[in-house]
Amino acid sequence: MRRALMALSLLGLLVGGCASDPATSQEYQTLQQQLADVTADRDALRAAAGQSTGRHDKAKATQEAIQAILDDPESVGTEQEVVDALASYATPDAVMDDIVFGAVSMRSAWYYTLFGDAMDATIDTTYTWLSEDGSQGGSLWLWHGTNQAGNHFELAGVSLDDFSEEGLLSNTYVVYPYPADYVTEAVTGAGT
């Protein structure tokens, strides 16, 4: 008897549930709208993630291309060709802001870092990093060679980089683990 009552109760619920159309209920429509909103949010996040991945890949390619030029500048050509090649991986208004020497255009910064005022310098990068979205990165490096006075110098430093949506350098901030006077003397005077 007890089973019969339970069976009749379940049958009543099923029949009652089938009698009304759930697609027309307010609760159903609210759930449908919430599902549509969540789906739209998910699709927007996927699109943003796809853009971030693209920016990351482009910024990584920029880092690698700059490193290849710095590793073998002679294969690129003349001083001007090397500077042009390096500058091609930066936005037109990109700036390198050196904590000791100040802020200049990226093109000028590369020229004076490697060749300007009788410099004959090399940059050996020891470590690079890049954010997941490709907007920021940096490198740890050793800058060395013959300074403006003809003396040997060697300085370690860090570059903190910002990348455009296209993966190009838009800003570089350069810092050293030395006092400013030491850096200036290394580049313009007795060296290190």
N, C-alpha and C. Protein backbone atom coordinates (compact mmCIF):
# COMPACT_ATOMS: atom_id res chain seq x y z
N MET A 1 0.81 -1.17 0.00
CA MET A 1 0.00 0.00 0.00
C MET A 1 0.87 1.26 0.00
N ARG A 2 1.85 1.23 0.80
CA ARG A 2 2.75 2.37 0.91
C ARG A 2 3.43 2.61 -0.44
N ARG A 3 3.85 1.54 -1.09
CA ARG A 3 4.49 1.67 -2.40
C ARG A 3 3.50 2.21 -3.43
N ALA A 4 2.31 1.80 -3.36
CA ALA A 4 1.29 2.26 -4.30
C ALA A 4 1.06 3.76 -4.15
N LEU A 5 1.05 4.26 -2.89
CA LEU A 5 0.87 5.69 -2.66
C LEU A 5 2.07 6.49 -3.20
N MET A 6 3.24 5.96 -2.98
CA MET A 6 4.44 6.64 -3.48
C MET A 6 4.43 6.68 -5.00
N ALA A 7 4.02 5.56 -5.63
CA ALA A 7 3.97 5.50 -7.08
C ALA A 7 2.96 6.49 -7.62
N LEU A 8 1.79 6.58 -6.95
CA LEU A 8 0.76 7.53 -7.39
C LEU A 8 1.23 8.98 -7.22
N SER A 9 1.94 9.24 -6.14
CA SER A 9 2.48 10.58 -5.91
C SER A 9 3.47 10.96 -7.00
N LEU A 10 4.37 10.06 -7.33
CA LEU A 10 5.34 10.33 -8.38
C LEU A 10 4.67 10.52 -9.73
N LEU A 11 3.68 9.68 -10.01
CA LEU A 11 2.95 9.81 -11.26
C LEU A 11 2.26 11.16 -11.33
N GLY A 12 1.70 11.60 -10.23
CA GLY A 12 1.04 12.91 -10.18
C GLY A 12 2.03 14.04 -10.45
N LEU A 13 3.21 13.94 -9.89
CA LEU A 13 4.23 14.96 -10.13
C LEU A 13 4.65 14.99 -11.59
N LEU A 14 4.85 13.83 -12.15
CA LEU A 14 5.26 13.75 -13.55
C LEU A 14 4.19 14.32 -14.46
N VAL A 15 2.93 13.91 -14.23
CA VAL A 15 1.83 14.39 -15.07
C VAL A 15 1.66 15.89 -14.88
N GLY A 16 1.74 16.35 -13.65
CA GLY A 16 1.60 17.78 -13.38
C GLY A 16 2.73 18.57 -14.01
N GLY A 17 3.97 18.01 -13.96
CA GLY A 17 5.12 18.68 -14.56
C GLY A 17 5.02 18.73 -16.06
N CYS A 18 4.44 17.71 -16.66
CA CYS A 18 4.31 17.66 -18.11
C CYS A 18 3.18 18.54 -18.60
N ALA A 19 2.23 18.82 -17.74
CA ALA A 19 1.07 19.60 -18.15
C ALA A 19 1.44 21.04 -18.44
N SER A 20 2.42 21.58 -17.69
CA SER A 20 2.81 22.97 -17.94
C SER A 20 4.10 22.98 -18.76
N ASP A 21 4.25 23.95 -19.60
CA ASP A 21 5.43 24.07 -20.46
C ASP A 21 6.51 24.83 -19.69
N PRO A 22 7.63 24.14 -19.32
CA PRO A 22 8.66 24.82 -18.52
C PRO A 22 9.34 25.94 -19.29
N ALA A 23 9.31 25.91 -20.61
CA ALA A 23 9.97 26.94 -21.40
C ALA A 23 9.27 28.28 -21.29
N THR A 24 8.05 28.29 -20.82
CA THR A 24 7.33 29.56 -20.68
C THR A 24 7.38 30.12 -19.27
N SER A 25 7.93 29.36 -18.34
CA SER A 25 7.97 29.85 -16.95
C SER A 25 9.01 30.96 -16.80
N GLN A 26 8.78 31.83 -15.87
CA GLN A 26 9.70 32.94 -15.59
C GLN A 26 11.05 32.41 -15.11
N GLU A 27 11.02 31.39 -14.27
CA GLU A 27 12.26 30.81 -13.75
C GLU A 27 13.11 30.26 -14.91
N TYR A 28 12.47 29.57 -15.83
CA TYR A 28 13.19 29.00 -16.98
C TYR A 28 13.80 30.11 -17.83
N GLN A 29 13.05 31.15 -18.08
CA GLN A 29 13.55 32.27 -18.89
C GLN A 29 14.71 32.98 -18.19
N THR A 30 14.63 33.12 -16.88
CA THR A 30 15.73 33.71 -16.11
C THR A 30 16.98 32.86 -16.22
N LEU A 31 16.83 31.54 -16.09
CA LEU A 31 17.97 30.64 -16.23
C LEU A 31 18.56 30.70 -17.64
N GLN A 32 17.72 30.79 -18.64
CA GLN A 32 18.20 30.89 -20.03
C GLN A 32 19.03 32.16 -20.21
N GLN A 33 18.57 33.28 -19.64
CA GLN A 33 19.31 34.55 -19.75
C GLN A 33 20.65 34.47 -19.02
N GLN A 34 20.65 33.86 -17.84
CA GLN A 34 21.90 33.69 -17.10
C GLN A 34 22.89 32.84 -17.89
N LEU A 35 22.39 31.77 -18.51
CA LEU A 35 23.25 30.92 -19.33
C LEU A 35 23.81 31.70 -20.52
N ALA A 36 22.99 32.52 -21.14
CA ALA A 36 23.45 33.34 -22.27
C ALA A 36 24.52 34.33 -21.81
N ASP A 37 24.34 34.94 -20.64
CA ASP A 37 25.32 35.89 -20.10
C ASP A 37 26.65 35.20 -19.79
N VAL A 38 26.58 34.04 -19.15
CA VAL A 38 27.80 33.29 -18.81
C VAL A 38 28.52 32.86 -20.09
N THR A 39 27.78 32.43 -21.08
CA THR A 39 28.37 32.02 -22.35
C THR A 39 29.06 33.19 -23.03
N ALA A 40 28.41 34.36 -23.01
CA ALA A 40 29.02 35.56 -23.61
C ALA A 40 30.31 35.93 -22.87
N ASP A 41 30.29 35.88 -21.54
CA ASP A 41 31.49 36.16 -20.75
C ASP A 41 32.61 35.18 -21.09
N ARG A 42 32.25 33.90 -21.19
CA ARG A 42 33.24 32.88 -21.52
C ARG A 42 33.86 33.16 -22.89
N ASP A 43 33.04 33.49 -23.87
CA ASP A 43 33.54 33.76 -25.22
C ASP A 43 34.43 34.99 -25.25
N ALA A 44 34.07 36.01 -24.46
CA ALA A 44 34.91 37.22 -24.38
C ALA A 44 36.26 36.90 -23.75
N LEU A 45 36.27 36.07 -22.71
CA LEU A 45 37.53 35.68 -22.08
C LEU A 45 38.38 34.86 -23.04
N ARG A 46 37.76 33.97 -23.80
CA ARG A 46 38.51 33.19 -24.79
C ARG A 46 39.14 34.11 -25.83
N ALA A 47 38.38 35.09 -26.29
CA ALA A 47 38.90 36.03 -27.29
C ALA A 47 40.07 36.82 -26.72
N ALA A 48 39.92 37.29 -25.47
CA ALA A 48 41.01 38.04 -24.83
C ALA A 48 42.23 37.16 -24.64
N ALA A 49 42.03 35.92 -24.26
CA ALA A 49 43.15 34.99 -24.08
C ALA A 49 43.85 34.76 -25.41
N GLY A 50 43.09 34.68 -26.48
CA GLY A 50 43.68 34.52 -27.80
C GLY A 50 44.51 35.72 -28.20
N GLN A 51 44.02 36.92 -27.88
CA GLN A 51 44.78 38.13 -28.16
C GLN A 51 46.04 38.18 -27.31
N SER A 52 45.93 37.81 -26.04
CA SER A 52 47.10 37.82 -25.16
C SER A 52 48.15 36.86 -25.67
N THR A 53 47.72 35.69 -26.10
CA THR A 53 48.67 34.72 -26.61
C THR A 53 49.37 35.27 -27.84
N GLY A 54 48.61 35.94 -28.72
CA GLY A 54 49.21 36.54 -29.90
C GLY A 54 50.23 37.60 -29.53
N ARG A 55 49.89 38.45 -28.59
CA ARG A 55 50.81 39.50 -28.14
C ARG A 55 52.05 38.86 -27.50
N HIS A 56 51.83 37.84 -26.70
CA HIS A 56 52.95 37.15 -26.06
C HIS A 56 53.89 36.59 -27.11
N ASP A 57 53.34 35.91 -28.10
CA ASP A 57 54.17 35.31 -29.15
C ASP A 57 54.94 36.37 -29.93
N LYS A 58 54.28 37.49 -30.21
CA LYS A 58 54.95 38.58 -30.94
C LYS A 58 56.05 39.21 -30.09
N ALA A 59 55.77 39.45 -28.80
CA ALA A 59 56.79 40.03 -27.92
C ALA A 59 57.97 39.08 -27.76
N LYS A 60 57.69 37.79 -27.65
CA LYS A 60 58.76 36.79 -27.54
C LYS A 60 59.62 36.81 -28.80
N ALA A 61 58.97 36.90 -29.96
CA ALA A 61 59.71 36.97 -31.23
C ALA A 61 60.58 38.23 -31.28
N THR A 62 60.06 39.35 -30.74
CA THR A 62 60.84 40.59 -30.68
C THR A 62 62.07 40.40 -29.80
N GLN A 63 61.89 39.81 -28.62
CA GLN A 63 63.04 39.56 -27.74
C GLN A 63 64.09 38.70 -28.45
N GLU A 64 63.65 37.66 -29.11
CA GLU A 64 64.57 36.74 -29.78
C GLU A 64 65.28 37.42 -30.95
N ALA A 65 64.56 38.26 -31.71
CA ALA A 65 65.17 38.94 -32.85
C ALA A 65 66.23 39.95 -32.37
N ILE A 66 65.91 40.70 -31.33
CA ILE A 66 66.90 41.65 -30.77
C ILE A 66 68.12 40.90 -30.28
N GLN A 67 67.90 39.78 -29.59
CA GLN A 67 69.02 38.99 -29.10
C GLN A 67 69.89 38.49 -30.24
N ALA A 68 69.28 38.03 -31.32
CA ALA A 68 70.05 37.54 -32.47
C ALA A 68 70.91 38.65 -33.06
N ILE A 69 70.37 39.87 -33.14
CA ILE A 69 71.16 41.00 -33.65
C ILE A 69 72.31 41.31 -32.71
N LEU A 70 72.05 41.34 -31.41
CA LEU A 70 73.11 41.65 -30.44
C LEU A 70 74.18 40.56 -30.40
N ASP A 71 73.78 39.31 -30.64
CA ASP A 71 74.74 38.20 -30.63
C ASP A 71 75.68 38.24 -31.82
N ASP A 72 75.24 38.78 -32.96
CA ASP A 72 76.06 38.79 -34.16
C ASP A 72 75.78 40.03 -34.99
N PRO A 73 76.16 41.21 -34.48
CA PRO A 73 75.85 42.44 -35.21
C PRO A 73 76.56 42.54 -36.56
N GLU A 74 77.71 41.92 -36.69
CA GLU A 74 78.45 41.98 -37.96
C GLU A 74 77.66 41.36 -39.10
N SER A 75 76.84 40.35 -38.80
CA SER A 75 76.05 39.72 -39.85
C SER A 75 74.93 40.62 -40.36
N VAL A 76 74.60 41.65 -39.58
CA VAL A 76 73.54 42.59 -39.98
C VAL A 76 74.10 43.65 -40.92
N GLY A 77 75.35 44.06 -40.66
CA GLY A 77 75.97 45.05 -41.54
C GLY A 77 76.66 46.15 -40.78
N THR A 78 76.53 47.37 -41.32
CA THR A 78 77.18 48.54 -40.75
C THR A 78 76.54 48.93 -39.42
N GLU A 79 77.18 49.89 -38.74
CA GLU A 79 76.61 50.41 -37.49
C GLU A 79 75.19 50.90 -37.71
N GLN A 80 74.99 51.66 -38.78
CA GLN A 80 73.66 52.21 -39.06
C GLN A 80 72.66 51.10 -39.34
N GLU A 81 73.07 50.06 -40.05
CA GLU A 81 72.18 48.94 -40.34
C GLU A 81 71.81 48.17 -39.07
N VAL A 82 72.78 48.04 -38.16
CA VAL A 82 72.50 47.37 -36.89
C VAL A 82 71.48 48.18 -36.09
N VAL A 83 71.69 49.49 -36.01
CA VAL A 83 70.77 50.36 -35.27
C VAL A 83 69.38 50.34 -35.92
N ASP A 84 69.35 50.39 -37.26
CA ASP A 84 68.05 50.32 -37.96
C ASP A 84 67.34 49.01 -37.66
N ALA A 85 68.08 47.91 -37.68
CA ALA A 85 67.48 46.59 -37.42
C ALA A 85 66.93 46.54 -35.99
N LEU A 86 67.69 47.01 -35.02
CA LEU A 86 67.22 47.02 -33.63
C LEU A 86 66.00 47.92 -33.47
N ALA A 87 66.05 49.10 -34.09
CA ALA A 87 64.93 50.05 -33.97
C ALA A 87 63.67 49.53 -34.65
N SER A 88 63.80 48.63 -35.59
CA SER A 88 62.62 48.09 -36.28
C SER A 88 61.76 47.24 -35.34
N TYR A 89 62.30 46.86 -34.20
CA TYR A 89 61.55 46.07 -33.22
C TYR A 89 60.98 46.95 -32.10
N ALA A 90 60.86 48.25 -32.38
CA ALA A 90 60.30 49.20 -31.41
C ALA A 90 59.26 50.06 -32.11
N THR A 91 58.32 50.56 -31.34
CA THR A 91 57.34 51.50 -31.89
C THR A 91 58.06 52.80 -32.26
N PRO A 92 57.50 53.59 -33.18
CA PRO A 92 58.17 54.83 -33.60
C PRO A 92 58.46 55.80 -32.46
N ASP A 93 57.62 55.81 -31.43
CA ASP A 93 57.82 56.73 -30.32
C ASP A 93 58.44 56.07 -29.09
N ALA A 94 59.02 54.90 -29.27
CA ALA A 94 59.61 54.16 -28.15
C ALA A 94 60.77 54.93 -27.53
N VAL A 95 60.89 54.79 -26.20
CA VAL A 95 61.91 55.48 -25.44
C VAL A 95 62.67 54.48 -24.58
N MET A 96 63.99 54.67 -24.50
CA MET A 96 64.79 53.94 -23.53
C MET A 96 65.15 54.94 -22.44
N ASP A 97 64.73 54.64 -21.23
CA ASP A 97 64.97 55.52 -20.09
C ASP A 97 66.01 54.86 -19.20
N ASP A 98 67.24 55.35 -19.30
CA ASP A 98 68.36 54.82 -18.53
C ASP A 98 68.45 55.62 -17.23
N ILE A 99 68.49 54.93 -16.09
CA ILE A 99 68.49 55.60 -14.79
C ILE A 99 69.69 56.54 -14.62
N VAL A 100 70.78 56.28 -15.34
CA VAL A 100 71.97 57.13 -15.24
C VAL A 100 72.03 58.15 -16.37
N PHE A 101 71.77 57.72 -17.61
CA PHE A 101 71.99 58.59 -18.77
C PHE A 101 70.73 59.29 -19.27
N GLY A 102 69.58 58.98 -18.70
CA GLY A 102 68.35 59.67 -19.08
C GLY A 102 67.57 58.96 -20.17
N ALA A 103 66.52 59.64 -20.62
CA ALA A 103 65.60 59.07 -21.61
C ALA A 103 65.88 59.63 -22.99
N VAL A 104 65.97 58.72 -23.97
CA VAL A 104 66.15 59.12 -25.37
C VAL A 104 65.35 58.15 -26.24
N SER A 105 65.22 58.50 -27.50
CA SER A 105 64.52 57.60 -28.42
C SER A 105 65.24 56.26 -28.47
N MET A 106 64.50 55.23 -28.79
CA MET A 106 65.09 53.89 -28.83
C MET A 106 66.24 53.82 -29.83
N ARG A 107 66.09 54.44 -30.98
CA ARG A 107 67.14 54.44 -32.00
C ARG A 107 68.43 55.07 -31.45
N SER A 108 68.30 56.23 -30.84
CA SER A 108 69.48 56.91 -30.27
C SER A 108 70.10 56.08 -29.16
N ALA A 109 69.26 55.47 -28.35
CA ALA A 109 69.76 54.66 -27.24
C ALA A 109 70.60 53.50 -27.75
N TRP A 110 70.11 52.79 -28.77
CA TRP A 110 70.88 51.68 -29.32
C TRP A 110 72.19 52.18 -29.91
N TYR A 111 72.16 53.30 -30.62
CA TYR A 111 73.38 53.81 -31.23
C TYR A 111 74.43 54.15 -30.16
N TYR A 112 74.03 54.92 -29.16
CA TYR A 112 74.99 55.34 -28.14
C TYR A 112 75.42 54.18 -27.24
N THR A 113 74.58 53.20 -27.06
CA THR A 113 74.94 52.04 -26.24
C THR A 113 76.01 51.19 -26.91
N LEU A 114 75.92 51.07 -28.22
CA LEU A 114 76.83 50.17 -28.93
C LEU A 114 77.99 50.87 -29.62
N PHE A 115 77.76 52.07 -30.20
CA PHE A 115 78.77 52.66 -31.08
C PHE A 115 79.12 54.12 -30.79
N GLY A 116 78.23 54.89 -30.22
CA GLY A 116 78.39 56.33 -30.11
C GLY A 116 79.60 56.79 -29.33
N ASP A 117 80.13 57.94 -29.74
CA ASP A 117 81.29 58.57 -29.07
C ASP A 117 82.44 57.57 -28.91
N ALA A 118 82.77 56.88 -29.98
CA ALA A 118 83.90 55.92 -30.05
C ALA A 118 83.68 54.67 -29.22
N MET A 119 82.45 54.41 -28.82
CA MET A 119 82.16 53.16 -28.09
C MET A 119 82.31 51.99 -29.05
N ASP A 120 82.78 50.90 -28.52
CA ASP A 120 82.77 49.62 -29.25
C ASP A 120 82.33 48.60 -28.22
N ALA A 121 81.01 48.45 -28.11
CA ALA A 121 80.46 47.67 -27.01
C ALA A 121 79.61 46.52 -27.50
N THR A 122 79.42 45.58 -26.60
CA THR A 122 78.60 44.41 -26.83
C THR A 122 77.67 44.23 -25.64
N ILE A 123 76.49 43.66 -25.90
CA ILE A 123 75.57 43.33 -24.81
C ILE A 123 75.34 41.83 -24.87
N ASP A 124 75.70 41.15 -23.80
CA ASP A 124 75.45 39.71 -23.67
C ASP A 124 74.29 39.53 -22.71
N THR A 125 73.18 39.02 -23.21
CA THR A 125 72.00 38.79 -22.38
C THR A 125 72.13 37.44 -21.69
N THR A 126 71.95 37.44 -20.38
CA THR A 126 72.07 36.19 -19.63
C THR A 126 70.72 35.59 -19.24
N TYR A 127 69.68 36.43 -19.20
CA TYR A 127 68.37 35.92 -18.82
C TYR A 127 67.29 36.87 -19.32
N THR A 128 66.20 36.33 -19.85
CA THR A 128 65.05 37.15 -20.24
C THR A 128 63.78 36.59 -19.61
N TRP A 129 62.77 37.43 -19.50
CA TRP A 129 61.47 36.99 -19.01
C TRP A 129 60.39 37.80 -19.74
N LEU A 130 59.17 37.24 -19.70
CA LEU A 130 58.05 37.87 -20.38
C LEU A 130 56.76 37.51 -19.63
N SER A 131 55.90 38.50 -19.42
CA SER A 131 54.63 38.24 -18.74
C SER A 131 53.75 37.35 -19.61
N GLU A 132 52.77 36.71 -18.99
CA GLU A 132 51.88 35.81 -19.70
C GLU A 132 51.15 36.48 -20.84
N ASP A 133 50.77 37.75 -20.66
CA ASP A 133 50.03 38.43 -21.72
C ASP A 133 50.93 39.15 -22.71
N GLY A 134 52.24 39.10 -22.49
CA GLY A 134 53.19 39.71 -23.43
C GLY A 134 53.30 41.21 -23.34
N SER A 135 52.72 41.82 -22.33
CA SER A 135 52.76 43.28 -22.22
C SER A 135 54.05 43.80 -21.59
N GLN A 136 54.70 42.97 -20.77
CA GLN A 136 55.92 43.40 -20.09
C GLN A 136 56.92 42.25 -20.06
N GLY A 137 58.16 42.63 -20.01
CA GLY A 137 59.23 41.64 -19.94
C GLY A 137 60.50 42.33 -19.50
N GLY A 138 61.59 41.67 -19.74
CA GLY A 138 62.86 42.27 -19.38
C GLY A 138 64.02 41.32 -19.58
N SER A 139 65.20 41.82 -19.22
CA SER A 139 66.39 41.01 -19.36
C SER A 139 67.47 41.44 -18.37
N LEU A 140 68.31 40.49 -18.08
CA LEU A 140 69.52 40.70 -17.28
C LEU A 140 70.67 40.57 -18.25
N TRP A 141 71.59 41.52 -18.24
CA TRP A 141 72.63 41.53 -19.27
C TRP A 141 73.96 42.04 -18.75
N LEU A 142 74.99 41.81 -19.58
CA LEU A 142 76.34 42.33 -19.33
C LEU A 142 76.71 43.20 -20.52
N TRP A 143 76.98 44.48 -20.25
CA TRP A 143 77.36 45.45 -21.27
C TRP A 143 78.87 45.63 -21.13
N HIS A 144 79.62 45.38 -22.19
CA HIS A 144 81.08 45.45 -22.07
C HIS A 144 81.72 45.81 -23.40
N GLY A 145 82.98 46.22 -23.32
CA GLY A 145 83.73 46.57 -24.52
C GLY A 145 84.68 47.70 -24.22
N THR A 146 84.88 48.55 -25.24
CA THR A 146 85.75 49.71 -25.11
C THR A 146 84.88 50.94 -24.94
N ASN A 147 85.18 51.73 -23.91
CA ASN A 147 84.34 52.89 -23.60
C ASN A 147 84.72 54.11 -24.43
N GLN A 148 84.11 55.24 -24.16
CA GLN A 148 84.34 56.47 -24.92
C GLN A 148 85.77 56.99 -24.81
N ALA A 149 86.45 56.64 -23.73
CA ALA A 149 87.85 57.07 -23.54
C ALA A 149 88.85 56.03 -24.04
N GLY A 150 88.37 54.95 -24.60
CA GLY A 150 89.26 53.91 -25.11
C GLY A 150 89.64 52.87 -24.07
N ASN A 151 88.98 52.87 -22.92
CA ASN A 151 89.29 51.93 -21.85
C ASN A 151 88.26 50.80 -21.81
N HIS A 152 88.70 49.67 -21.27
CA HIS A 152 87.78 48.54 -21.13
C HIS A 152 86.78 48.83 -20.02
N PHE A 153 85.54 48.42 -20.26
CA PHE A 153 84.51 48.53 -19.22
C PHE A 153 83.62 47.30 -19.27
N GLU A 154 82.96 47.06 -18.15
CA GLU A 154 82.05 45.92 -18.03
C GLU A 154 81.03 46.26 -16.95
N LEU A 155 79.74 46.28 -17.33
CA LEU A 155 78.67 46.61 -16.40
C LEU A 155 77.52 45.62 -16.54
N ALA A 156 77.01 45.17 -15.43
CA ALA A 156 75.79 44.36 -15.45
C ALA A 156 74.61 45.32 -15.31
N GLY A 157 73.46 44.91 -15.83
CA GLY A 157 72.27 45.74 -15.71
C GLY A 157 71.01 44.95 -15.99
N VAL A 158 69.90 45.63 -15.79
CA VAL A 158 68.58 45.04 -16.01
C VAL A 158 67.77 46.00 -16.87
N SER A 159 67.08 45.45 -17.86
CA SER A 159 66.13 46.22 -18.66
C SER A 159 64.73 45.73 -18.36
N LEU A 160 63.83 46.67 -18.11
CA LEU A 160 62.42 46.37 -17.90
C LEU A 160 61.67 46.94 -19.09
N ASP A 161 60.99 46.07 -19.84
CA ASP A 161 60.40 46.44 -21.11
C ASP A 161 58.88 46.42 -21.10
N ASP A 162 58.29 47.36 -21.85
CA ASP A 162 56.86 47.35 -22.15
C ASP A 162 56.73 47.04 -23.63
N PHE A 163 55.72 46.23 -23.98
CA PHE A 163 55.49 45.85 -25.37
C PHE A 163 54.12 46.32 -25.82
N SER A 164 54.04 46.78 -27.07
CA SER A 164 52.77 47.19 -27.66
C SER A 164 51.93 45.97 -27.98
N GLU A 165 50.69 46.20 -28.40
CA GLU A 165 49.81 45.10 -28.81
C GLU A 165 50.43 44.31 -29.96
N GLU A 166 51.26 44.97 -30.77
CA GLU A 166 51.90 44.31 -31.90
C GLU A 166 53.17 43.56 -31.49
N GLY A 167 53.51 43.61 -30.20
CA GLY A 167 54.69 42.92 -29.70
C GLY A 167 55.98 43.70 -29.86
N LEU A 168 55.89 44.98 -30.17
CA LEU A 168 57.08 45.82 -30.33
C LEU A 168 57.42 46.51 -29.01
N LEU A 169 58.69 46.81 -28.81
CA LEU A 169 59.11 47.56 -27.62
C LEU A 169 58.47 48.94 -27.67
N SER A 170 57.86 49.35 -26.58
CA SER A 170 57.31 50.70 -26.51
C SER A 170 58.01 51.54 -25.45
N ASN A 171 58.65 50.88 -24.51
CA ASN A 171 59.40 51.59 -23.48
C ASN A 171 60.36 50.61 -22.82
N THR A 172 61.57 51.08 -22.56
CA THR A 172 62.56 50.27 -21.84
C THR A 172 63.13 51.12 -20.73
N TYR A 173 63.18 50.55 -19.54
CA TYR A 173 63.76 51.23 -18.38
C TYR A 173 65.00 50.45 -17.97
N VAL A 174 66.15 51.12 -17.90
CA VAL A 174 67.43 50.48 -17.64
C VAL A 174 67.94 50.88 -16.26
N VAL A 175 68.31 49.87 -15.47
CA VAL A 175 68.87 50.11 -14.14
C VAL A 175 70.15 49.30 -13.95
N TYR A 176 70.98 49.77 -13.03
CA TYR A 176 72.26 49.13 -12.72
C TYR A 176 72.36 48.89 -11.22
N PRO A 177 73.15 47.89 -10.81
CA PRO A 177 73.35 47.67 -9.38
C PRO A 177 74.55 48.45 -8.83
N TYR A 178 74.82 49.62 -9.41
CA TYR A 178 75.97 50.45 -9.02
C TYR A 178 75.51 51.89 -8.81
N PRO A 179 76.31 52.66 -8.09
CA PRO A 179 76.02 54.10 -8.00
C PRO A 179 76.17 54.75 -9.38
N ALA A 180 75.47 55.83 -9.62
CA ALA A 180 75.51 56.52 -10.91
C ALA A 180 76.91 56.94 -11.30
N ASP A 181 77.72 57.43 -10.35
CA ASP A 181 79.08 57.87 -10.65
C ASP A 181 79.94 56.73 -11.18
N TYR A 182 79.75 55.55 -10.63
CA TYR A 182 80.50 54.37 -11.08
C TYR A 182 80.16 54.04 -12.53
N VAL A 183 78.87 54.10 -12.86
CA VAL A 183 78.43 53.80 -14.23
C VAL A 183 78.99 54.84 -15.19
N THR A 184 78.90 56.11 -14.83
CA THR A 184 79.41 57.18 -15.69
C THR A 184 80.90 57.03 -15.93
N GLU A 185 81.66 56.75 -14.88
CA GLU A 185 83.12 56.57 -15.02
C GLU A 185 83.44 55.36 -15.87
N ALA A 186 82.65 54.31 -15.75
CA ALA A 186 82.87 53.10 -16.54
C ALA A 186 82.68 53.38 -18.03
N VAL A 187 81.70 54.20 -18.37
CA VAL A 187 81.37 54.46 -19.79
C VAL A 187 82.17 55.60 -20.39
N THR A 188 82.49 56.61 -19.61
CA THR A 188 83.15 57.80 -20.18
C THR A 188 84.58 58.00 -19.73
N GLY A 189 85.04 57.29 -18.70
CA GLY A 189 86.37 57.57 -18.15
C GLY A 189 87.29 56.38 -18.09
N ALA A 190 87.75 56.07 -16.89
CA ALA A 190 88.78 55.05 -16.68
C ALA A 190 88.29 53.63 -16.93
N GLY A 191 86.98 53.45 -17.07
CA GLY A 191 86.45 52.12 -17.28
C GLY A 191 86.22 51.39 -15.96
N THR A 192 86.25 50.06 -16.02
CA THR A 192 86.05 49.28 -14.81
C THR A 192 87.19 48.32 -14.62
